[in-house]
Protein backbone atom coordinates (compact mmCIF):
# COMPACT_ATOMS: atom_id res chain seq x y z
CA MET A 1 42.70 -45.65 -75.35
CA THR A 2 46.00 -45.70 -76.78
CA THR A 3 47.49 -49.04 -77.53
CA ILE A 4 50.83 -50.11 -76.60
CA LYS A 5 51.08 -53.22 -77.95
CA ASP A 6 53.00 -53.13 -80.81
CA ALA A 7 53.43 -49.37 -80.56
CA THR A 8 56.13 -47.22 -81.91
CA ALA A 9 57.36 -45.05 -78.91
CA LEU A 10 59.74 -41.84 -78.07
CA VAL A 11 61.23 -40.91 -74.24
CA THR A 12 63.19 -37.83 -74.12
CA GLY A 13 66.17 -38.48 -71.56
CA GLY A 14 65.31 -42.30 -72.15
CA GLN A 15 68.44 -43.89 -71.58
CA ARG A 16 68.83 -43.07 -68.18
CA GLY A 17 66.85 -42.63 -64.67
CA LEU A 18 63.67 -42.37 -65.05
CA GLY A 19 63.38 -42.79 -69.04
CA ARG A 20 64.86 -45.72 -69.21
CA ALA A 21 62.49 -47.12 -67.03
CA ILE A 22 60.22 -45.82 -69.16
CA VAL A 23 61.63 -47.40 -72.13
CA ASP A 24 61.52 -50.62 -70.09
CA GLU A 25 58.08 -50.36 -68.88
CA LEU A 26 56.60 -49.36 -72.75
CA LEU A 27 58.66 -52.81 -73.92
CA ALA A 28 57.15 -55.18 -71.44
CA ALA A 29 54.00 -53.83 -72.12
CA GLY A 30 54.34 -54.77 -75.48
CA ALA A 31 55.50 -52.03 -77.37
CA ALA A 32 57.50 -52.81 -80.76
CA ARG A 33 59.90 -50.02 -80.84
CA VAL A 34 60.83 -47.03 -78.67
CA TYR A 35 63.12 -44.59 -79.57
CA ALA A 36 65.51 -43.51 -75.93
CA THR A 37 66.91 -40.01 -76.99
CA ALA A 38 69.69 -38.57 -75.15
CA ARG A 39 72.72 -35.83 -76.12
CA HIS A 40 75.37 -38.49 -76.38
CA PRO A 41 73.64 -41.96 -77.08
CA VAL A 42 75.03 -45.04 -76.78
CA ALA A 43 73.98 -48.59 -78.46
CA SER A 44 71.95 -50.21 -77.35
CA ALA A 45 71.71 -54.64 -76.79
CA ASP A 46 68.18 -54.43 -77.47
CA PRO A 47 66.68 -54.27 -80.74
CA ARG A 48 63.24 -53.23 -79.89
CA ILE A 49 65.38 -49.58 -78.64
CA GLU A 50 67.04 -47.16 -81.06
CA PRO A 51 69.08 -44.89 -79.30
CA VAL A 52 68.67 -41.51 -81.07
CA ALA A 53 70.74 -37.87 -80.19
CA LEU A 54 68.11 -34.96 -79.27
CA GLU A 55 68.72 -31.57 -77.93
CA VAL A 56 65.42 -30.04 -76.63
CA THR A 57 67.00 -26.61 -76.98
CA ASP A 58 67.81 -27.38 -80.13
CA GLN A 59 64.68 -26.62 -82.98
CA GLN A 60 66.43 -27.90 -86.10
CA SER A 61 67.34 -31.14 -83.54
CA VAL A 62 63.73 -31.49 -82.38
CA ASP A 63 62.50 -31.03 -86.41
CA ASP A 64 64.40 -33.66 -87.47
CA LEU A 65 63.92 -36.52 -85.20
CA ALA A 66 60.13 -35.59 -86.09
CA ARG A 67 60.84 -36.68 -89.34
CA ARG A 68 62.71 -39.29 -88.70
CA ALA A 69 60.37 -40.88 -86.01
CA GLY A 70 56.98 -40.39 -87.84
CA GLN A 71 55.89 -43.64 -87.01
CA VAL A 72 55.49 -42.78 -83.14
CA THR A 73 52.07 -42.95 -81.32
CA ILE A 74 53.28 -41.99 -77.90
CA VAL A 75 55.40 -39.12 -76.87
CA VAL A 76 56.87 -39.22 -73.45
CA ASN A 77 58.79 -35.99 -72.33
CA ASN A 78 61.12 -36.82 -69.60
CA ALA A 79 64.25 -35.00 -70.71
CA GLY A 80 65.19 -31.94 -67.78
CA ALA A 81 67.65 -30.10 -65.72
CA LEU A 82 68.53 -29.37 -62.64
CA LEU A 83 69.73 -25.90 -61.25
CA GLY A 84 70.18 -25.78 -57.38
CA GLY A 85 69.61 -22.74 -55.36
CA PRO A 86 67.27 -19.81 -54.49
CA LEU A 87 65.47 -17.84 -56.88
CA LEU A 88 67.48 -14.94 -55.75
CA GLY A 89 70.34 -15.94 -55.57
CA ASN A 90 70.93 -17.32 -59.30
CA ASP A 91 71.74 -15.60 -62.38
CA ILE A 92 68.74 -14.76 -64.72
CA ALA A 93 70.56 -15.84 -67.56
CA GLU A 94 71.00 -19.14 -65.61
CA VAL A 95 67.36 -19.23 -64.90
CA ALA A 96 66.54 -18.91 -68.29
CA ALA A 97 68.74 -21.58 -69.57
CA LEU A 98 66.55 -24.10 -67.20
CA PHE A 99 63.53 -22.71 -68.54
CA ASP A 100 64.61 -23.59 -72.07
CA VAL A 101 65.06 -26.96 -71.52
CA ASN A 102 62.20 -28.05 -68.98
CA VAL A 103 59.59 -25.82 -70.61
CA PHE A 104 59.91 -24.56 -74.24
CA GLY A 105 61.80 -28.27 -74.94
CA PRO A 106 58.52 -30.31 -73.97
CA LEU A 107 56.96 -27.79 -75.45
CA ARG A 108 59.20 -28.12 -79.02
CA VAL A 109 58.67 -31.46 -79.04
CA ALA A 110 54.75 -31.34 -78.34
CA GLN A 111 54.45 -28.84 -81.59
CA ALA A 112 57.29 -31.23 -83.41
CA PHE A 113 55.36 -34.11 -82.60
CA ALA A 114 51.73 -33.19 -82.33
CA PRO A 115 51.65 -33.67 -86.40
CA VAL A 116 52.61 -36.95 -86.08
CA LEU A 117 50.09 -38.26 -83.46
CA ARG A 118 46.99 -36.96 -85.47
CA ALA A 119 48.33 -38.46 -88.41
CA ASN A 120 48.75 -41.96 -86.79
CA GLY A 121 45.16 -41.66 -85.09
CA GLY A 122 46.12 -39.36 -81.83
CA GLY A 123 48.29 -41.14 -79.40
CA ALA A 124 49.44 -39.95 -76.20
CA LEU A 125 51.47 -37.54 -75.08
CA VAL A 126 53.20 -37.05 -71.24
CA ASP A 127 55.42 -34.58 -69.83
CA VAL A 128 56.63 -35.63 -66.92
CA HIS A 129 56.40 -33.17 -64.34
CA SER A 130 57.22 -32.83 -60.40
CA VAL A 131 55.59 -32.61 -57.12
CA LEU A 132 57.63 -28.86 -57.32
CA SER A 133 54.82 -28.35 -59.99
CA TRP A 134 52.96 -27.25 -56.68
CA ALA A 135 55.18 -27.24 -54.13
CA ALA A 136 57.19 -24.10 -53.08
CA GLY A 137 61.02 -23.55 -52.32
CA ALA A 138 62.58 -25.34 -54.51
CA GLY A 139 63.94 -22.32 -56.47
CA ALA A 140 64.47 -22.04 -60.31
CA TYR A 141 63.62 -26.02 -60.60
CA GLY A 142 60.22 -25.61 -58.88
CA ALA A 143 59.13 -22.66 -61.04
CA THR A 144 59.85 -24.61 -64.69
CA LYS A 145 57.95 -27.86 -62.93
CA ALA A 146 54.76 -25.40 -62.50
CA ALA A 147 55.47 -23.62 -66.10
CA LEU A 148 55.42 -27.31 -67.61
CA TRP A 149 51.83 -28.01 -65.53
CA SER A 150 49.95 -25.44 -67.40
CA VAL A 151 51.36 -25.63 -70.55
CA THR A 152 51.01 -29.57 -70.40
CA ASN A 153 46.88 -28.61 -68.82
CA SER A 154 46.63 -26.58 -72.01
CA LEU A 155 48.18 -28.59 -74.42
CA ARG A 156 45.65 -31.45 -73.04
CA LEU A 157 42.41 -28.37 -74.29
CA GLU A 158 44.29 -28.21 -77.30
CA LEU A 159 45.28 -32.03 -78.55
CA ALA A 160 41.87 -33.00 -77.57
CA ALA A 161 40.26 -32.64 -81.04
CA GLN A 162 42.60 -34.94 -82.38
CA GLY A 163 41.96 -37.72 -80.55
CA THR A 164 45.84 -37.01 -78.42
CA LEU A 165 45.77 -37.72 -74.72
CA VAL A 166 47.92 -35.78 -72.72
CA VAL A 167 49.42 -37.37 -69.36
CA GLY A 168 50.89 -35.11 -66.76
CA ALA A 169 53.22 -37.12 -64.50
CA HIS A 170 53.87 -36.00 -60.84
CA LEU A 171 56.07 -37.52 -58.60
CA GLY A 172 58.33 -36.37 -55.39
CA TYR A 173 62.15 -38.10 -55.16
CA THR A 174 62.97 -40.78 -57.65
CA ASP A 175 65.94 -42.61 -57.58
CA THR A 176 67.93 -40.92 -60.27
CA ASP A 177 71.31 -39.74 -61.36
CA MET A 178 69.59 -36.20 -60.95
CA VAL A 179 69.19 -36.82 -56.59
CA LYS A 180 71.56 -39.24 -56.07
CA ALA A 181 73.69 -37.10 -53.36
CA LEU A 182 70.28 -36.34 -51.39
CA ASP A 183 69.89 -38.61 -48.44
CA VAL A 184 65.94 -38.68 -48.24
CA PRO A 185 63.85 -41.28 -48.90
CA LYS A 186 63.18 -41.95 -52.86
CA ASN A 187 60.70 -43.72 -54.96
CA ASP A 188 61.91 -46.78 -57.48
CA PRO A 189 61.69 -45.16 -60.80
CA ARG A 190 60.11 -49.11 -62.27
CA ASP A 191 57.24 -48.46 -60.03
CA VAL A 192 57.01 -44.73 -61.25
CA ALA A 193 57.24 -45.75 -65.20
CA ARG A 194 54.53 -48.92 -63.96
CA GLN A 195 52.02 -45.98 -63.51
CA ILE A 196 52.71 -43.56 -66.35
CA VAL A 197 52.61 -46.82 -68.51
CA ALA A 198 49.21 -47.81 -67.03
CA ALA A 199 47.75 -44.32 -67.36
CA VAL A 200 48.80 -44.13 -71.29
CA ALA A 201 46.92 -47.59 -71.45
CA GLU A 202 44.01 -46.56 -69.80
CA ASN A 203 43.60 -43.03 -70.90
CA GLU A 204 44.20 -41.53 -66.57
CA PRO A 205 44.83 -37.67 -67.91
CA GLU A 206 47.19 -37.59 -64.27
CA VAL A 207 49.83 -39.56 -62.26
CA LEU A 208 50.07 -38.81 -58.63
CA ALA A 209 53.01 -41.36 -58.38
CA ASP A 210 53.57 -41.24 -54.47
CA GLN A 211 52.04 -39.84 -51.35
CA PRO A 212 53.91 -36.38 -51.71
CA SER A 213 52.47 -35.81 -54.95
CA GLN A 214 48.80 -36.36 -53.35
CA TYR A 215 48.97 -34.02 -50.68
CA PHE A 216 50.66 -31.10 -52.40
CA LYS A 217 47.94 -31.78 -55.12
CA SER A 218 44.86 -31.93 -52.49
CA ALA A 219 46.48 -29.08 -50.26
CA LEU A 220 46.18 -26.51 -54.10
CA ALA A 221 42.52 -25.61 -52.11
CA GLY A 222 44.05 -24.44 -48.81
CA PRO A 223 45.80 -21.51 -47.99
CA VAL A 224 49.40 -20.59 -50.05
CA GLY A 225 51.16 -21.17 -46.76
CA GLY A 226 50.30 -25.06 -46.99
CA LEU A 227 52.24 -25.47 -50.24
CA ALA A 228 56.44 -24.88 -49.04
CA VAL A 229 58.90 -27.56 -48.96
CA ARG A 230 59.33 -28.37 -45.14
């Protein structure tokens, strides 16, 4: 079991949206300190929050943070980017850049912090996915989330020997800046954050935060036609 009380945690993309909600929920659950990253961090009035700059596509930036945050026992890969349009309509360079943020970014963080987590007793690594890990029709963004799901599943096996819990969190539309222009029903990010933090506390490897995520996970056993976003 991963202890959250008095823990030090790291949340990438932790200064807005779902990331900020996860930071708040970790603190509510008793975490003593949370590193909250952003490309351009701003100061926090809460002394328990340490804003820190991070560019997940820059290996040096990730490595520098791992040296700075050597006490962490909980790492949450939340930072991500969005690219609209169909796969056939996006330039390959745009798709590659999105994979660099959404897939290789979390992998860089996992590789850099795996030794830190091991040294601190195992802890937990959380990757924030999407219902689009399984639901087709979201172009390059969905492809990155499917790839990250696979990465997370492999990391779960590779990190088991050092006692690190690996959690994959899946969710549909959630009320953040990324989807603020969409007129669709959305999750409350605070509710999603509570589920993620509860999974860490209860040693649960997966979060299906809403009905769409639960539906598409179950649809994996059926015909591929059932995996399309309508």
